[in-house]
Protein backbone atom coordinates (compact mmCIF):
# COMPACT_ATOMS: atom_id res chain seq x y z
CA UNK A 1 45.79 112.46 185.06
CA UNK A 2 45.08 113.38 188.62
CA UNK A 3 47.70 113.03 191.34
CA UNK A 4 44.96 111.76 193.64
CA UNK A 5 45.06 108.04 194.36
CA UNK A 6 41.98 106.21 193.19
CA UNK A 7 40.21 103.57 195.24
CA UNK A 8 38.40 100.61 193.74
CA UNK A 9 36.34 97.70 194.97
CA UNK A 10 35.82 94.18 193.68
CA UNK A 11 32.43 92.83 192.72
CA UNK A 12 33.45 89.88 194.89
CA UNK A 13 33.13 92.18 197.91
CA UNK A 14 29.40 92.33 197.17
CA UNK A 15 28.93 88.59 196.57
CA UNK A 16 27.08 87.82 199.83
CA UNK A 17 24.93 90.91 199.39
CA UNK A 18 24.13 89.87 195.82
CA UNK A 19 23.08 86.38 196.93
CA UNK A 20 20.90 87.70 199.73
CA UNK A 21 19.27 90.56 197.82
CA UNK A 22 19.26 89.05 194.30
CA UNK A 23 20.57 92.36 192.97
CA UNK A 24 22.29 92.77 189.61
CA UNK A 25 25.72 93.98 188.54
CA UNK A 26 24.20 97.38 187.80
CA UNK A 27 22.90 97.57 191.36
CA UNK A 28 26.35 96.92 192.83
CA UNK A 29 27.84 99.49 190.46
CA UNK A 30 25.38 102.02 191.85
CA UNK A 31 26.27 100.98 195.40
CA UNK A 32 30.01 101.23 194.74
CA UNK A 33 29.51 104.70 193.25
CA UNK A 34 27.31 105.82 196.15
CA UNK A 35 29.93 104.53 198.61
CA UNK A 36 32.52 106.78 196.96
CA UNK A 37 34.61 104.22 195.05
CA UNK A 38 36.35 105.43 191.90
CA UNK A 39 36.28 102.06 190.16
CA UNK A 40 35.16 98.47 190.26
CA UNK A 41 36.76 95.15 189.34
CA UNK A 42 34.52 92.38 188.07
CA UNK A 43 35.06 88.73 188.93
CA UNK A 44 33.71 86.00 186.62
CA UNK A 45 30.64 87.64 185.06
CA UNK A 46 27.56 85.46 185.25
CA UNK A 47 24.57 85.84 182.91
CA UNK A 48 22.31 84.40 185.63
CA UNK A 49 23.06 87.54 187.65
CA UNK A 50 22.55 89.94 184.74
CA UNK A 51 19.52 88.15 183.30
CA UNK A 52 20.94 88.68 179.81
CA UNK A 53 21.54 86.14 177.08
CA UNK A 54 25.34 86.13 176.89
CA UNK A 55 28.61 87.39 178.35
CA UNK A 56 29.03 90.11 175.74
CA UNK A 57 25.60 91.60 176.35
CA UNK A 58 26.28 91.52 180.10
CA UNK A 59 29.67 93.21 179.64
CA UNK A 60 28.22 95.84 177.30
CA UNK A 61 25.39 96.69 179.72
CA UNK A 62 27.82 97.04 182.64
CA UNK A 63 30.26 99.17 180.58
CA UNK A 64 27.50 101.54 179.47
CA UNK A 65 26.05 101.83 182.97
CA UNK A 66 29.44 102.51 184.55
CA UNK A 67 30.11 105.21 181.94
CA UNK A 68 26.73 106.78 182.71
CA UNK A 69 27.39 106.96 186.46
CA UNK A 70 31.11 107.83 186.24
CA UNK A 71 32.46 104.60 187.74
CA UNK A 72 35.65 103.23 186.17
CA UNK A 73 35.94 99.56 185.32
CA UNK A 74 39.40 98.74 186.59
CA UNK A 75 39.77 95.03 185.84
CA UNK A 76 38.13 91.77 184.87
CA UNK A 77 39.37 88.77 186.86
CA UNK A 78 38.50 85.20 185.97
CA UNK A 79 39.15 81.76 187.34
CA UNK A 80 41.23 79.41 185.23
CA UNK A 81 43.03 76.11 185.70
CA UNK A 82 45.58 75.13 183.08
CA UNK A 83 46.68 72.07 185.04
CA UNK A 84 43.48 70.32 184.00
CA UNK A 85 42.75 67.36 181.75
CA UNK A 86 42.18 69.54 178.67
CA UNK A 87 44.39 72.65 178.83
CA UNK A 88 43.65 73.52 175.17
CA UNK A 89 39.93 73.80 175.95
CA UNK A 90 40.77 75.93 178.99
CA UNK A 91 42.90 78.22 176.80
CA UNK A 92 39.97 78.64 174.38
CA UNK A 93 37.61 79.42 177.27
CA UNK A 94 39.98 82.06 178.64
CA UNK A 95 40.48 83.56 175.16
CA UNK A 96 36.69 84.02 175.05
CA UNK A 97 36.95 85.78 178.41
CA UNK A 98 39.66 88.09 177.00
CA UNK A 99 37.08 89.16 174.42
CA UNK A 100 34.55 89.70 177.21
CA UNK A 101 37.10 91.86 179.08
CA UNK A 102 37.54 93.99 175.94
CA UNK A 103 33.76 94.37 175.64
CA UNK A 104 33.60 95.30 179.31
CA UNK A 105 36.19 97.99 178.70
CA UNK A 106 38.49 96.60 181.37
CA UNK A 107 42.04 97.92 180.95
CA UNK A 108 43.35 94.91 182.90
CA UNK A 109 42.42 91.25 182.84
CA UNK A 110 43.79 88.77 185.34
CA UNK A 111 43.30 85.03 185.22
CA UNK A 112 44.26 82.24 187.55
CA UNK A 113 46.70 79.62 186.35
CA UNK A 114 45.94 76.70 188.65
CA UNK A 115 44.03 76.31 191.86
CA UNK A 116 43.85 72.74 193.08
CA UNK A 117 45.94 71.96 196.14
CA UNK A 118 46.08 68.26 195.33
CA UNK A 119 48.03 69.15 192.19
CA UNK A 120 50.73 70.69 194.37
CA UNK A 121 50.95 68.24 197.31
CA UNK A 122 54.40 69.43 198.31
CA UNK A 123 54.65 73.14 197.82
CA UNK A 124 58.36 73.75 197.56
CA UNK A 125 60.31 76.20 195.38
CA UNK A 126 61.33 73.38 193.02
CA UNK A 127 57.71 72.14 192.69
CA UNK A 128 56.59 75.68 191.97
CA UNK A 129 59.32 76.12 189.31
CA UNK A 130 58.34 72.85 187.59
CA UNK A 131 54.64 73.80 187.54
CA UNK A 132 55.32 77.32 186.28
CA UNK A 133 57.49 75.97 183.47
CA UNK A 134 54.54 73.77 182.42
CA UNK A 135 52.08 76.67 182.57
CA UNK A 136 54.03 79.28 180.65
CA UNK A 137 53.79 77.66 177.18
CA UNK A 138 50.11 76.86 177.75
CA UNK A 139 49.20 80.48 178.52
CA UNK A 140 51.22 82.09 175.69
CA UNK A 141 48.33 81.78 173.19
CA UNK A 142 46.15 83.85 175.53
CA UNK A 143 48.70 86.67 175.55
CA UNK A 144 48.87 86.52 171.76
CA UNK A 145 45.06 86.55 171.51
CA UNK A 146 44.98 89.65 173.69
CA UNK A 147 47.55 91.33 171.44
CA UNK A 148 50.37 91.32 173.98
């Protein structure tokens, strides 16, 4: 391993450019590589952007392209909200995204836990502790699914 620090970029950094130019994930990988980045993080892959039939095909295409151009995939980050009406369904959705992260070849996957401000009207340390204690048992199956 090199002692040199590596610098990465998030696909989110290209989101406005992607909307304006209608480019694909492969295009932003090329741009990131041309700009000198060592790696790229992907946020919530979307088959509408890739034009492919499913998440796995999209992840596979990105992984192969990044390998071809020498750009590391550093992470896959996804939105999630376990303080929803059906947390079991949300767990299943995120477990699917764990599989997508593996197909992408991402060594790290990060997911949100909750994101609605109205669920946390008074953000105090005790509110945070109560919410975290509710979230921990809900997210344990995801860690198990990922083999952690």
